[in-house]
């Protein structure tokens, strides 16, 4: 993207890592630098994609096949990218998204066991090399993340999975970060919120040339 266009940041991580709180913090920092910011999420971000989100998260008797889940994720993503994210970036707006394509490699790839080659085919077809400029991966132990999740109320379909499902997700996320070190930056999400936010601020200052070193 040219300097006149927006910047695309995604936040990733498994359940309970604090993405929502961190997303608000990133938004505040970017807005403090004078940028217009759009906050969105996946699956979701458009009326149709939000309907697909509700379908994906609902607890139901019928088993959703792993391939069906993956295809619905990409259907929502395709709508989201073309209807919301790309137009916002073209207008110069910065976009912060709660999860993006890395989540499919983690949840449907690692968690459900779908081969990465199948996910890559869908990524190439739907996104045509479109990627975030920066991805912040919030990482913590599965046990701690699930303990936090249990405090939030009734679990959705993903939150009802067994712990080994989340172990596979975390492993897949870390593998993605290892394979894409220039884009995906890992933040330890286990300390208190002030320390996590300090790490995020330092990361943004280091990797975004638009930011000064001043807080």
N, C-alpha and C. Protein backbone atom coordinates (compact mmCIF):
# COMPACT_ATOMS: atom_id res chain seq x y z
N UNK A 1 0.83 -1.21 0.00
CA UNK A 1 0.00 0.00 0.00
C UNK A 1 0.87 1.26 0.00
N UNK A 2 0.40 2.30 -0.61
CA UNK A 2 1.13 3.55 -0.60
C UNK A 2 0.96 4.24 0.73
N UNK A 3 1.80 5.24 0.99
CA UNK A 3 1.75 5.94 2.27
C UNK A 3 0.43 6.67 2.48
N UNK A 4 -0.30 6.96 1.39
CA UNK A 4 -1.55 7.71 1.52
C UNK A 4 -2.72 6.81 1.91
N UNK A 5 -2.49 5.50 1.86
CA UNK A 5 -3.58 4.57 2.16
C UNK A 5 -3.57 4.20 3.64
N UNK A 6 -4.61 3.47 4.02
CA UNK A 6 -4.70 3.04 5.41
C UNK A 6 -3.76 1.89 5.71
N UNK A 7 -3.77 1.48 6.95
CA UNK A 7 -2.89 0.43 7.46
C UNK A 7 -3.77 -0.63 8.10
N UNK A 8 -3.48 -1.90 7.85
CA UNK A 8 -4.33 -3.00 8.29
C UNK A 8 -3.63 -3.80 9.39
N UNK A 9 -4.20 -3.77 10.59
CA UNK A 9 -3.66 -4.48 11.75
C UNK A 9 -4.67 -5.52 12.21
N UNK A 10 -4.19 -6.73 12.47
CA UNK A 10 -5.06 -7.76 13.02
C UNK A 10 -4.54 -8.21 14.39
N UNK A 11 -5.47 -8.60 15.25
CA UNK A 11 -5.14 -9.19 16.54
C UNK A 11 -5.60 -10.63 16.53
N UNK A 12 -4.70 -11.52 16.93
CA UNK A 12 -4.98 -12.95 16.92
C UNK A 12 -4.70 -13.55 18.29
N UNK A 13 -5.22 -14.74 18.49
CA UNK A 13 -5.00 -15.47 19.73
C UNK A 13 -6.18 -16.35 20.05
N UNK A 14 -5.96 -17.35 20.89
CA UNK A 14 -7.01 -18.27 21.27
C UNK A 14 -7.91 -17.64 22.32
N UNK A 15 -8.76 -18.44 22.91
CA UNK A 15 -9.77 -17.93 23.84
C UNK A 15 -9.12 -17.37 25.11
N UNK A 16 -9.63 -16.22 25.57
CA UNK A 16 -9.23 -15.68 26.85
C UNK A 16 -7.95 -14.89 26.90
N UNK A 17 -7.35 -14.58 25.74
CA UNK A 17 -6.06 -13.90 25.75
C UNK A 17 -6.19 -12.38 25.88
N UNK A 18 -7.42 -11.86 25.83
CA UNK A 18 -7.61 -10.42 26.02
C UNK A 18 -7.61 -9.61 24.74
N UNK A 19 -8.05 -10.20 23.65
CA UNK A 19 -8.05 -9.48 22.38
C UNK A 19 -8.92 -8.23 22.41
N UNK A 20 -10.10 -8.32 23.01
CA UNK A 20 -11.02 -7.18 23.01
C UNK A 20 -10.42 -5.98 23.71
N UNK A 21 -9.84 -6.20 24.88
CA UNK A 21 -9.21 -5.11 25.63
C UNK A 21 -8.01 -4.55 24.87
N UNK A 22 -7.21 -5.42 24.30
CA UNK A 22 -6.03 -4.99 23.56
C UNK A 22 -6.42 -4.25 22.29
N UNK A 23 -7.49 -4.69 21.65
CA UNK A 23 -7.96 -4.02 20.44
C UNK A 23 -8.35 -2.57 20.75
N UNK A 24 -9.06 -2.36 21.85
CA UNK A 24 -9.43 -0.99 22.23
C UNK A 24 -8.19 -0.15 22.49
N UNK A 25 -7.19 -0.75 23.11
CA UNK A 25 -5.95 -0.03 23.41
C UNK A 25 -5.23 0.37 22.13
N UNK A 26 -5.12 -0.54 21.18
CA UNK A 26 -4.48 -0.24 19.90
C UNK A 26 -5.23 0.88 19.20
N UNK A 27 -6.54 0.82 19.22
CA UNK A 27 -7.36 1.86 18.60
C UNK A 27 -7.06 3.23 19.22
N UNK A 28 -6.99 3.29 20.53
CA UNK A 28 -6.71 4.56 21.21
C UNK A 28 -5.34 5.11 20.82
N UNK A 29 -4.34 4.25 20.74
CA UNK A 29 -3.00 4.70 20.37
C UNK A 29 -2.99 5.28 18.96
N UNK A 30 -3.61 4.55 18.02
CA UNK A 30 -3.59 5.00 16.63
C UNK A 30 -4.37 6.29 16.46
N UNK A 31 -5.51 6.38 17.11
CA UNK A 31 -6.29 7.62 17.03
C UNK A 31 -5.53 8.79 17.64
N UNK A 32 -4.72 8.54 18.67
CA UNK A 32 -3.94 9.61 19.29
C UNK A 32 -2.89 10.17 18.35
N UNK A 33 -2.56 9.41 17.31
CA UNK A 33 -1.60 9.87 16.30
C UNK A 33 -2.30 10.56 15.13
N UNK A 34 -3.61 10.74 15.23
CA UNK A 34 -4.34 11.50 14.23
C UNK A 34 -4.92 10.68 13.10
N UNK A 35 -4.95 9.38 13.22
CA UNK A 35 -5.49 8.53 12.16
C UNK A 35 -6.95 8.18 12.42
N UNK A 36 -7.72 8.09 11.36
CA UNK A 36 -9.07 7.57 11.45
C UNK A 36 -9.00 6.05 11.54
N UNK A 37 -9.79 5.45 12.44
CA UNK A 37 -9.69 4.02 12.70
C UNK A 37 -11.05 3.34 12.57
N UNK A 38 -11.07 2.20 11.91
CA UNK A 38 -12.24 1.32 11.86
C UNK A 38 -11.90 0.04 12.61
N UNK A 39 -12.73 -0.32 13.58
CA UNK A 39 -12.57 -1.57 14.32
C UNK A 39 -13.62 -2.56 13.83
N UNK A 40 -13.19 -3.77 13.53
CA UNK A 40 -14.11 -4.77 13.02
C UNK A 40 -13.69 -6.15 13.53
N UNK A 41 -14.37 -7.20 13.09
CA UNK A 41 -14.08 -8.52 13.62
C UNK A 41 -14.40 -9.61 12.61
N UNK A 42 -13.81 -10.79 12.87
CA UNK A 42 -14.11 -11.97 12.06
C UNK A 42 -14.42 -13.16 12.96
N UNK A 43 -15.34 -14.03 12.52
CA UNK A 43 -16.25 -13.76 11.41
C UNK A 43 -17.20 -12.63 11.78
N UNK A 44 -17.57 -11.84 10.78
CA UNK A 44 -18.47 -10.72 11.01
C UNK A 44 -18.04 -9.51 10.20
N UNK A 45 -18.55 -8.36 10.60
CA UNK A 45 -18.14 -7.11 9.97
C UNK A 45 -19.11 -6.54 8.96
N UNK A 46 -20.01 -7.39 8.43
CA UNK A 46 -21.09 -6.94 7.56
C UNK A 46 -22.36 -7.65 8.03
N UNK A 47 -23.54 -7.18 7.64
CA UNK A 47 -24.76 -7.89 8.06
C UNK A 47 -24.76 -9.37 7.69
N UNK A 48 -24.38 -9.68 6.45
CA UNK A 48 -24.34 -11.08 6.04
C UNK A 48 -23.29 -11.86 6.83
N UNK A 49 -22.11 -11.28 6.98
CA UNK A 49 -21.04 -11.97 7.71
C UNK A 49 -21.40 -12.16 9.18
N UNK A 50 -22.15 -11.21 9.76
CA UNK A 50 -22.59 -11.38 11.14
C UNK A 50 -23.61 -12.50 11.26
N UNK A 51 -24.45 -12.66 10.24
CA UNK A 51 -25.38 -13.80 10.23
C UNK A 51 -24.61 -15.12 10.19
N UNK A 52 -23.56 -15.15 9.38
CA UNK A 52 -22.73 -16.35 9.32
C UNK A 52 -22.01 -16.60 10.64
N UNK A 53 -21.60 -15.53 11.30
CA UNK A 53 -20.97 -15.66 12.62
C UNK A 53 -21.93 -16.33 13.61
N UNK A 54 -23.17 -15.86 13.61
CA UNK A 54 -24.17 -16.43 14.52
C UNK A 54 -24.36 -17.92 14.24
N UNK A 55 -24.36 -18.28 12.98
CA UNK A 55 -24.48 -19.69 12.61
C UNK A 55 -23.30 -20.50 13.09
N UNK A 56 -22.10 -19.94 12.96
CA UNK A 56 -20.88 -20.65 13.32
C UNK A 56 -20.72 -20.82 14.83
N UNK A 57 -21.19 -19.84 15.60
CA UNK A 57 -20.98 -19.87 17.05
C UNK A 57 -22.10 -20.58 17.80
N UNK A 58 -23.24 -20.76 17.17
CA UNK A 58 -24.40 -21.32 17.88
C UNK A 58 -24.17 -22.78 18.26
N UNK A 59 -24.56 -23.10 19.47
CA UNK A 59 -24.57 -24.50 19.90
C UNK A 59 -25.79 -25.19 19.29
N UNK A 60 -25.56 -26.31 18.64
CA UNK A 60 -26.65 -26.99 17.94
C UNK A 60 -26.42 -28.51 18.02
N UNK A 61 -27.49 -29.26 17.85
CA UNK A 61 -27.37 -30.71 17.86
C UNK A 61 -26.66 -31.22 16.62
N UNK A 62 -26.94 -30.59 15.49
CA UNK A 62 -26.30 -31.02 14.24
C UNK A 62 -24.82 -30.70 14.27
N UNK A 63 -24.00 -31.67 13.95
CA UNK A 63 -22.56 -31.46 13.86
C UNK A 63 -22.23 -30.63 12.62
N UNK A 64 -21.43 -29.60 12.80
CA UNK A 64 -20.93 -28.83 11.66
C UNK A 64 -19.61 -29.46 11.22
N UNK A 65 -19.56 -29.93 10.01
CA UNK A 65 -18.34 -30.54 9.50
C UNK A 65 -17.21 -29.51 9.44
N UNK A 66 -15.99 -29.98 9.62
CA UNK A 66 -14.83 -29.08 9.62
C UNK A 66 -14.74 -28.30 8.32
N UNK A 67 -15.00 -28.99 7.21
CA UNK A 67 -14.92 -28.31 5.91
C UNK A 67 -16.03 -27.27 5.75
N UNK A 68 -17.22 -27.59 6.28
CA UNK A 68 -18.31 -26.62 6.25
C UNK A 68 -17.94 -25.38 7.05
N UNK A 69 -17.38 -25.59 8.23
CA UNK A 69 -16.94 -24.49 9.07
C UNK A 69 -15.93 -23.61 8.35
N UNK A 70 -14.96 -24.23 7.71
CA UNK A 70 -13.93 -23.47 6.98
C UNK A 70 -14.54 -22.66 5.85
N UNK A 71 -15.43 -23.28 5.08
CA UNK A 71 -16.04 -22.58 3.95
C UNK A 71 -16.91 -21.41 4.42
N UNK A 72 -17.63 -21.59 5.52
CA UNK A 72 -18.43 -20.48 6.05
C UNK A 72 -17.53 -19.34 6.53
N UNK A 73 -16.40 -19.68 7.14
CA UNK A 73 -15.46 -18.65 7.58
C UNK A 73 -14.97 -17.83 6.39
N UNK A 74 -14.63 -18.51 5.31
CA UNK A 74 -14.12 -17.78 4.15
C UNK A 74 -15.23 -17.05 3.40
N UNK A 75 -16.44 -17.57 3.43
CA UNK A 75 -17.56 -16.84 2.83
C UNK A 75 -17.75 -15.50 3.55
N UNK A 76 -17.74 -15.55 4.89
CA UNK A 76 -17.86 -14.32 5.67
C UNK A 76 -16.68 -13.40 5.41
N UNK A 77 -15.49 -13.98 5.33
CA UNK A 77 -14.27 -13.18 5.13
C UNK A 77 -14.28 -12.48 3.77
N UNK A 78 -14.69 -13.19 2.75
CA UNK A 78 -14.73 -12.60 1.40
C UNK A 78 -15.66 -11.39 1.38
N UNK A 79 -16.83 -11.53 1.99
CA UNK A 79 -17.77 -10.42 2.07
C UNK A 79 -17.18 -9.27 2.86
N UNK A 80 -16.58 -9.58 3.98
CA UNK A 80 -16.00 -8.58 4.88
C UNK A 80 -14.89 -7.78 4.21
N UNK A 81 -13.98 -8.49 3.56
CA UNK A 81 -12.84 -7.83 2.92
C UNK A 81 -13.29 -6.89 1.82
N UNK A 82 -14.18 -7.37 0.97
CA UNK A 82 -14.56 -6.58 -0.21
C UNK A 82 -15.57 -5.48 0.09
N UNK A 83 -16.41 -5.70 1.10
CA UNK A 83 -17.43 -4.71 1.41
C UNK A 83 -16.97 -3.68 2.44
N UNK A 84 -16.03 -4.05 3.30
CA UNK A 84 -15.67 -3.18 4.42
C UNK A 84 -14.18 -2.85 4.47
N UNK A 85 -13.33 -3.87 4.55
CA UNK A 85 -11.92 -3.63 4.84
C UNK A 85 -11.22 -2.90 3.70
N UNK A 86 -11.30 -3.41 2.50
CA UNK A 86 -10.61 -2.77 1.38
C UNK A 86 -11.10 -1.34 1.12
N UNK A 87 -12.42 -1.09 1.10
CA UNK A 87 -12.87 0.29 0.92
C UNK A 87 -12.36 1.24 2.01
N UNK A 88 -12.33 0.77 3.24
CA UNK A 88 -11.83 1.62 4.33
C UNK A 88 -10.35 1.95 4.12
N UNK A 89 -9.56 0.95 3.78
CA UNK A 89 -8.14 1.18 3.56
C UNK A 89 -7.90 2.12 2.39
N UNK A 90 -8.68 1.95 1.33
CA UNK A 90 -8.54 2.83 0.17
C UNK A 90 -8.84 4.28 0.51
N UNK A 91 -9.72 4.49 1.48
CA UNK A 91 -10.07 5.85 1.88
C UNK A 91 -9.05 6.46 2.84
N UNK A 92 -8.05 5.67 3.24
CA UNK A 92 -7.04 6.16 4.17
C UNK A 92 -7.30 5.81 5.62
N UNK A 93 -8.38 5.09 5.89
CA UNK A 93 -8.70 4.68 7.25
C UNK A 93 -7.83 3.50 7.67
N UNK A 94 -7.38 3.52 8.91
CA UNK A 94 -6.69 2.37 9.48
C UNK A 94 -7.72 1.37 9.96
N UNK A 95 -7.49 0.10 9.70
CA UNK A 95 -8.43 -0.96 10.07
C UNK A 95 -7.77 -1.87 11.10
N UNK A 96 -8.48 -2.10 12.20
CA UNK A 96 -8.04 -3.06 13.22
C UNK A 96 -9.09 -4.16 13.28
N UNK A 97 -8.66 -5.39 13.06
CA UNK A 97 -9.61 -6.51 12.99
C UNK A 97 -9.30 -7.56 14.04
N UNK A 98 -10.34 -7.95 14.76
CA UNK A 98 -10.27 -9.03 15.73
C UNK A 98 -10.32 -10.35 14.96
N UNK A 99 -9.15 -10.91 14.74
CA UNK A 99 -8.92 -12.14 13.95
C UNK A 99 -9.07 -11.89 12.45
N UNK A 100 -8.31 -12.73 11.69
CA UNK A 100 -8.37 -12.69 10.23
C UNK A 100 -7.94 -14.07 9.74
N UNK A 101 -7.26 -14.14 8.62
CA UNK A 101 -7.00 -15.43 7.99
C UNK A 101 -6.12 -16.34 8.84
N UNK A 102 -5.23 -15.78 9.66
CA UNK A 102 -4.40 -16.63 10.52
C UNK A 102 -5.27 -17.49 11.44
N UNK A 103 -6.44 -16.98 11.81
CA UNK A 103 -7.34 -17.75 12.66
C UNK A 103 -7.83 -19.02 11.97
N UNK A 104 -7.99 -18.98 10.66
CA UNK A 104 -8.41 -20.19 9.95
C UNK A 104 -7.31 -21.25 9.97
N UNK A 105 -6.06 -20.82 9.83
CA UNK A 105 -4.95 -21.77 9.93
C UNK A 105 -4.86 -22.34 11.34
N UNK A 106 -5.19 -21.54 12.34
CA UNK A 106 -5.12 -22.00 13.72
C UNK A 106 -6.31 -22.87 14.10
N UNK A 107 -7.54 -22.36 13.87
CA UNK A 107 -8.74 -23.06 14.32
C UNK A 107 -9.13 -24.21 13.40
N UNK A 108 -9.25 -23.94 12.11
CA UNK A 108 -9.66 -25.02 11.21
C UNK A 108 -8.46 -25.88 10.79
N UNK A 109 -7.28 -25.27 10.69
CA UNK A 109 -6.09 -26.04 10.38
C UNK A 109 -5.58 -26.83 11.57
N UNK A 110 -5.15 -26.10 12.61
CA UNK A 110 -4.63 -26.77 13.79
C UNK A 110 -5.72 -27.47 14.59
N UNK A 111 -6.78 -26.74 14.90
CA UNK A 111 -7.83 -27.29 15.76
C UNK A 111 -8.61 -28.42 15.12
N UNK A 112 -9.06 -28.22 13.88
CA UNK A 112 -9.89 -29.23 13.21
C UNK A 112 -9.10 -30.23 12.38
N UNK A 113 -7.83 -29.93 12.13
CA UNK A 113 -7.01 -30.87 11.40
C UNK A 113 -7.11 -30.80 9.89
N UNK A 114 -7.65 -29.71 9.36
CA UNK A 114 -7.68 -29.53 7.91
C UNK A 114 -6.28 -29.13 7.44
N UNK A 115 -5.85 -29.72 6.35
CA UNK A 115 -4.51 -29.43 5.85
C UNK A 115 -4.34 -27.97 5.45
N UNK A 116 -3.17 -27.42 5.74
CA UNK A 116 -2.90 -26.03 5.40
C UNK A 116 -2.99 -25.76 3.91
N UNK A 117 -2.73 -26.78 3.10
CA UNK A 117 -2.78 -26.57 1.65
C UNK A 117 -4.19 -26.24 1.19
N UNK A 118 -5.20 -26.85 1.82
CA UNK A 118 -6.59 -26.53 1.47
C UNK A 118 -6.94 -25.11 1.88
N UNK A 119 -6.48 -24.72 3.06
CA UNK A 119 -6.74 -23.35 3.53
C UNK A 119 -6.04 -22.34 2.62
N UNK A 120 -4.83 -22.68 2.21
CA UNK A 120 -4.07 -21.77 1.33
C UNK A 120 -4.78 -21.61 -0.01
N UNK A 121 -5.39 -22.66 -0.52
CA UNK A 121 -6.13 -22.55 -1.78
C UNK A 121 -7.27 -21.56 -1.64
N UNK A 122 -8.00 -21.65 -0.53
CA UNK A 122 -9.10 -20.71 -0.30
C UNK A 122 -8.58 -19.30 -0.09
N UNK A 123 -7.48 -19.18 0.64
CA UNK A 123 -6.89 -17.85 0.86
C UNK A 123 -6.49 -17.22 -0.46
N UNK A 124 -5.83 -17.98 -1.33
CA UNK A 124 -5.39 -17.45 -2.62
C UNK A 124 -6.59 -17.05 -3.49
N UNK A 125 -7.64 -17.86 -3.45
CA UNK A 125 -8.82 -17.60 -4.28
C UNK A 125 -9.59 -16.39 -3.75
N UNK A 126 -9.82 -16.34 -2.45
CA UNK A 126 -10.68 -15.29 -1.88
C UNK A 126 -9.95 -13.98 -1.63
N UNK A 127 -8.67 -14.05 -1.26
CA UNK A 127 -7.96 -12.84 -0.83
C UNK A 127 -6.94 -12.34 -1.84
N UNK A 128 -6.49 -13.20 -2.75
CA UNK A 128 -5.58 -12.78 -3.82
C UNK A 128 -4.38 -12.00 -3.26
N UNK A 129 -3.68 -12.61 -2.29
CA UNK A 129 -2.47 -12.07 -1.66
C UNK A 129 -2.72 -10.87 -0.74
N UNK A 130 -3.97 -10.57 -0.47
CA UNK A 130 -4.29 -9.49 0.47
C UNK A 130 -4.00 -9.97 1.89
N UNK A 131 -3.15 -9.22 2.62
CA UNK A 131 -2.75 -9.59 3.97
C UNK A 131 -2.71 -8.38 4.87
N UNK A 132 -2.76 -8.60 6.19
CA UNK A 132 -2.55 -7.48 7.11
C UNK A 132 -1.14 -6.93 6.98
N UNK A 133 -0.98 -5.66 7.30
CA UNK A 133 0.36 -5.08 7.39
C UNK A 133 1.08 -5.56 8.65
N UNK A 134 0.32 -5.75 9.70
CA UNK A 134 0.88 -6.17 10.98
C UNK A 134 -0.13 -7.03 11.72
N UNK A 135 0.34 -8.14 12.29
CA UNK A 135 -0.51 -9.00 13.10
C UNK A 135 0.09 -9.12 14.50
N UNK A 136 -0.73 -8.84 15.51
CA UNK A 136 -0.31 -8.98 16.90
C UNK A 136 -0.91 -10.28 17.42
N UNK A 137 -0.05 -11.24 17.76
CA UNK A 137 -0.50 -12.52 18.29
C UNK A 137 -0.36 -12.49 19.81
N UNK A 138 -1.50 -12.49 20.50
CA UNK A 138 -1.52 -12.52 21.95
C UNK A 138 -1.46 -13.97 22.39
N UNK A 139 -0.44 -14.31 23.16
CA UNK A 139 -0.19 -15.71 23.50
C UNK A 139 -0.12 -15.92 25.00
N UNK A 140 -0.75 -16.99 25.46
CA UNK A 140 -0.64 -17.43 26.85
C UNK A 140 -0.95 -18.91 26.92
N UNK A 141 -0.73 -19.51 28.07
CA UNK A 141 -1.02 -20.94 28.22
C UNK A 141 -2.51 -21.19 28.02
N UNK A 142 -2.83 -22.35 27.50
CA UNK A 142 -4.22 -22.71 27.27
C UNK A 142 -4.99 -22.74 28.59
N UNK A 143 -4.38 -23.26 29.62
CA UNK A 143 -5.05 -23.35 30.92
C UNK A 143 -5.49 -21.98 31.42
N UNK A 144 -4.60 -21.00 31.34
CA UNK A 144 -4.93 -19.66 31.82
C UNK A 144 -5.98 -19.01 30.93
N UNK A 145 -5.87 -19.20 29.64
CA UNK A 145 -6.85 -18.62 28.74
C UNK A 145 -8.24 -19.17 28.97
N UNK A 146 -8.33 -20.48 29.16
CA UNK A 146 -9.64 -21.08 29.39
C UNK A 146 -10.22 -20.69 30.74
N UNK A 147 -9.36 -20.50 31.74
CA UNK A 147 -9.84 -20.04 33.04
C UNK A 147 -10.48 -18.67 32.91
N UNK A 148 -9.88 -17.81 32.10
CA UNK A 148 -10.47 -16.49 31.87
C UNK A 148 -11.79 -16.61 31.11
N UNK A 149 -11.82 -17.50 30.13
CA UNK A 149 -13.02 -17.66 29.31
C UNK A 149 -14.20 -18.11 30.16
N UNK A 150 -13.97 -18.99 31.10
CA UNK A 150 -15.05 -19.51 31.93
C UNK A 150 -15.72 -18.44 32.78
N UNK A 151 -15.05 -17.31 32.96
CA UNK A 151 -15.61 -16.22 33.75
C UNK A 151 -16.55 -15.33 32.95
N UNK A 152 -16.64 -15.58 31.63
CA UNK A 152 -17.38 -14.67 30.76
C UNK A 152 -18.84 -15.03 30.60
N UNK A 153 -19.28 -16.18 31.08
CA UNK A 153 -20.68 -16.57 30.92
C UNK A 153 -20.82 -17.80 30.06
N UNK A 154 -22.00 -17.96 29.46
CA UNK A 154 -22.31 -19.16 28.68
C UNK A 154 -21.35 -19.30 27.50
N UNK A 155 -20.73 -20.47 27.33
CA UNK A 155 -19.77 -20.65 26.24
C UNK A 155 -20.45 -20.83 24.89
N UNK A 156 -19.79 -20.37 23.82
CA UNK A 156 -20.29 -20.62 22.48
C UNK A 156 -19.77 -21.98 22.00
N UNK A 157 -20.04 -22.31 20.74
CA UNK A 157 -19.69 -23.64 20.23
C UNK A 157 -18.19 -23.92 20.29
N UNK A 158 -17.37 -22.92 19.99
CA UNK A 158 -15.92 -23.12 20.03
C UNK A 158 -15.41 -23.25 21.46
N UNK A 159 -16.02 -22.50 22.36
CA UNK A 159 -15.57 -22.52 23.75
C UNK A 159 -15.93 -23.80 24.49
N UNK A 160 -16.74 -24.64 23.85
CA UNK A 160 -17.14 -25.91 24.45
C UNK A 160 -16.17 -27.05 24.09
N UNK A 161 -15.16 -26.76 23.28
CA UNK A 161 -14.23 -27.81 22.86
C UNK A 161 -13.33 -28.24 24.02
N UNK A 162 -12.73 -29.43 23.87
CA UNK A 162 -11.82 -29.95 24.88
C UNK A 162 -10.47 -29.23 24.81
N UNK A 163 -9.69 -29.35 25.87
CA UNK A 163 -8.47 -28.55 26.00
C UNK A 163 -7.45 -28.88 24.92
N UNK A 164 -7.41 -30.13 24.42
CA UNK A 164 -6.43 -30.47 23.39
C UNK A 164 -6.72 -29.73 22.09
N UNK A 165 -7.97 -29.37 21.87
CA UNK A 165 -8.33 -28.54 20.70
C UNK A 165 -7.60 -27.21 20.77
N UNK A 166 -7.58 -26.61 21.93
CA UNK A 166 -6.93 -25.31 22.11
C UNK A 166 -5.41 -25.43 22.11
N UNK A 167 -4.91 -26.55 22.57
CA UNK A 167 -3.47 -26.77 22.49
C UNK A 167 -3.03 -26.81 21.03
N UNK A 168 -3.81 -27.46 20.19
CA UNK A 168 -3.48 -27.51 18.77
C UNK A 168 -3.57 -26.13 18.13
N UNK A 169 -4.55 -25.34 18.57
CA UNK A 169 -4.69 -23.98 18.05
C UNK A 169 -3.48 -23.14 18.41
N UNK A 170 -3.09 -23.20 19.68
CA UNK A 170 -1.92 -22.41 20.10
C UNK A 170 -0.67 -22.83 19.32
N UNK A 171 -0.48 -24.12 19.16
CA UNK A 171 0.68 -24.61 18.40
C UNK A 171 0.65 -24.09 16.98
N UNK A 172 -0.52 -24.10 16.36
CA UNK A 172 -0.64 -23.62 14.98
C UNK A 172 -0.38 -22.13 14.88
N UNK A 173 -0.88 -21.36 15.84
CA UNK A 173 -0.62 -19.92 15.84
C UNK A 173 0.88 -19.65 15.94
N UNK A 174 1.57 -20.33 16.86
CA UNK A 174 3.00 -20.10 17.03
C UNK A 174 3.78 -20.53 15.79
N UNK A 175 3.30 -21.58 15.11
CA UNK A 175 3.94 -21.99 13.87
C UNK A 175 3.77 -20.92 12.79
N UNK A 176 2.58 -20.31 12.73
CA UNK A 176 2.35 -19.22 11.77
C UNK A 176 3.28 -18.05 12.05
N UNK A 177 3.44 -17.72 13.33
CA UNK A 177 4.32 -16.61 13.70
C UNK A 177 5.77 -16.92 13.32
N UNK A 178 6.18 -18.16 13.54
CA UNK A 178 7.54 -18.56 13.20
C UNK A 178 7.79 -18.50 11.70
N UNK A 179 6.73 -18.80 10.91
CA UNK A 179 6.86 -18.80 9.46
C UNK A 179 6.72 -17.40 8.86
N UNK A 180 6.15 -16.47 9.63
CA UNK A 180 5.92 -15.11 9.12
C UNK A 180 6.40 -14.07 10.14
N UNK A 181 7.68 -14.08 10.48
CA UNK A 181 8.17 -13.22 11.57
C UNK A 181 8.12 -11.73 11.26
N UNK A 182 8.14 -11.37 10.00
CA UNK A 182 8.10 -9.94 9.65
C UNK A 182 6.72 -9.34 9.89
N UNK A 183 5.69 -10.15 9.75
CA UNK A 183 4.32 -9.65 9.90
C UNK A 183 3.72 -9.96 11.26
N UNK A 184 3.94 -11.17 11.77
CA UNK A 184 3.29 -11.61 13.00
C UNK A 184 4.23 -11.43 14.18
N UNK A 185 3.82 -10.61 15.14
CA UNK A 185 4.62 -10.32 16.32
C UNK A 185 3.91 -10.87 17.57
N UNK A 186 4.63 -11.62 18.36
CA UNK A 186 4.05 -12.28 19.53
C UNK A 186 4.15 -11.38 20.76
N UNK A 187 3.03 -11.24 21.46
CA UNK A 187 2.97 -10.52 22.73
C UNK A 187 2.56 -11.52 23.82
N UNK A 188 3.33 -11.58 24.91
CA UNK A 188 2.97 -12.42 26.04
C UNK A 188 1.76 -11.80 26.73
N UNK A 189 0.63 -12.50 26.68
CA UNK A 189 -0.62 -11.96 27.23
C UNK A 189 -0.88 -12.38 28.67
N UNK A 190 0.07 -13.08 29.28
CA UNK A 190 -0.16 -13.58 30.63
C UNK A 190 0.08 -12.56 31.76
N UNK A 191 0.95 -11.55 31.59
CA UNK A 191 1.12 -10.58 32.68
C UNK A 191 -0.12 -9.72 32.90
N UNK A 192 -0.03 -8.77 33.85
CA UNK A 192 -1.17 -7.89 34.09
C UNK A 192 -1.36 -6.96 32.90
N UNK A 193 -2.51 -6.32 32.85
CA UNK A 193 -2.90 -5.55 31.67
C UNK A 193 -1.94 -4.40 31.37
N UNK A 194 -1.40 -3.77 32.41
CA UNK A 194 -0.48 -2.66 32.19
C UNK A 194 0.78 -3.12 31.47
N UNK A 195 1.29 -4.28 31.85
CA UNK A 195 2.50 -4.80 31.20
C UNK A 195 2.22 -5.22 29.77
N UNK A 196 1.08 -5.84 29.54
CA UNK A 196 0.71 -6.23 28.17
C UNK A 196 0.58 -4.99 27.30
N UNK A 197 -0.08 -3.96 27.79
CA UNK A 197 -0.26 -2.74 27.01
C UNK A 197 1.07 -2.04 26.75
N UNK A 198 1.97 -2.10 27.72
CA UNK A 198 3.29 -1.53 27.51
C UNK A 198 4.02 -2.25 26.39
N UNK A 199 3.89 -3.56 26.32
CA UNK A 199 4.52 -4.34 25.26
C UNK A 199 3.90 -4.01 23.90
N UNK A 200 2.59 -3.84 23.87
CA UNK A 200 1.92 -3.49 22.62
C UNK A 200 2.36 -2.11 22.14
N UNK A 201 2.42 -1.16 23.05
CA UNK A 201 2.85 0.19 22.68
C UNK A 201 4.27 0.16 22.09
N UNK A 202 5.16 -0.57 22.74
CA UNK A 202 6.54 -0.66 22.25
C UNK A 202 6.60 -1.31 20.87
N UNK A 203 5.77 -2.33 20.67
CA UNK A 203 5.73 -3.01 19.38
C UNK A 203 5.28 -2.05 18.28
N UNK A 204 4.23 -1.29 18.54
CA UNK A 204 3.72 -0.34 17.54
C UNK A 204 4.77 0.72 17.23
N UNK A 205 5.44 1.21 18.24
CA UNK A 205 6.45 2.23 18.03
C UNK A 205 7.63 1.70 17.22
N UNK A 206 7.95 0.42 17.41
CA UNK A 206 9.08 -0.18 16.71
C UNK A 206 8.76 -0.50 15.25
N UNK A 207 7.55 -0.96 14.99
CA UNK A 207 7.24 -1.50 13.67
C UNK A 207 6.40 -0.60 12.78
N UNK A 208 5.88 0.48 13.32
CA UNK A 208 5.10 1.39 12.49
C UNK A 208 5.86 2.70 12.33
N UNK A 209 6.39 2.93 11.15
CA UNK A 209 7.20 4.14 10.93
C UNK A 209 6.42 5.43 11.09
N UNK A 210 5.07 5.34 11.04
CA UNK A 210 4.25 6.53 11.20
C UNK A 210 4.24 7.03 12.64
N UNK A 211 4.74 6.21 13.57
CA UNK A 211 4.67 6.55 14.98
C UNK A 211 5.99 7.14 15.45
N UNK A 212 5.90 8.17 16.26
CA UNK A 212 7.09 8.70 16.91
C UNK A 212 7.38 7.86 18.15
N UNK A 213 8.57 8.04 18.72
CA UNK A 213 8.92 7.31 19.93
C UNK A 213 8.25 7.91 21.16
N UNK A 214 7.69 9.10 21.00
CA UNK A 214 7.00 9.70 22.13
C UNK A 214 5.70 8.98 22.40
N UNK A 215 5.32 8.84 23.66
CA UNK A 215 4.08 8.16 24.00
C UNK A 215 2.92 9.12 23.88
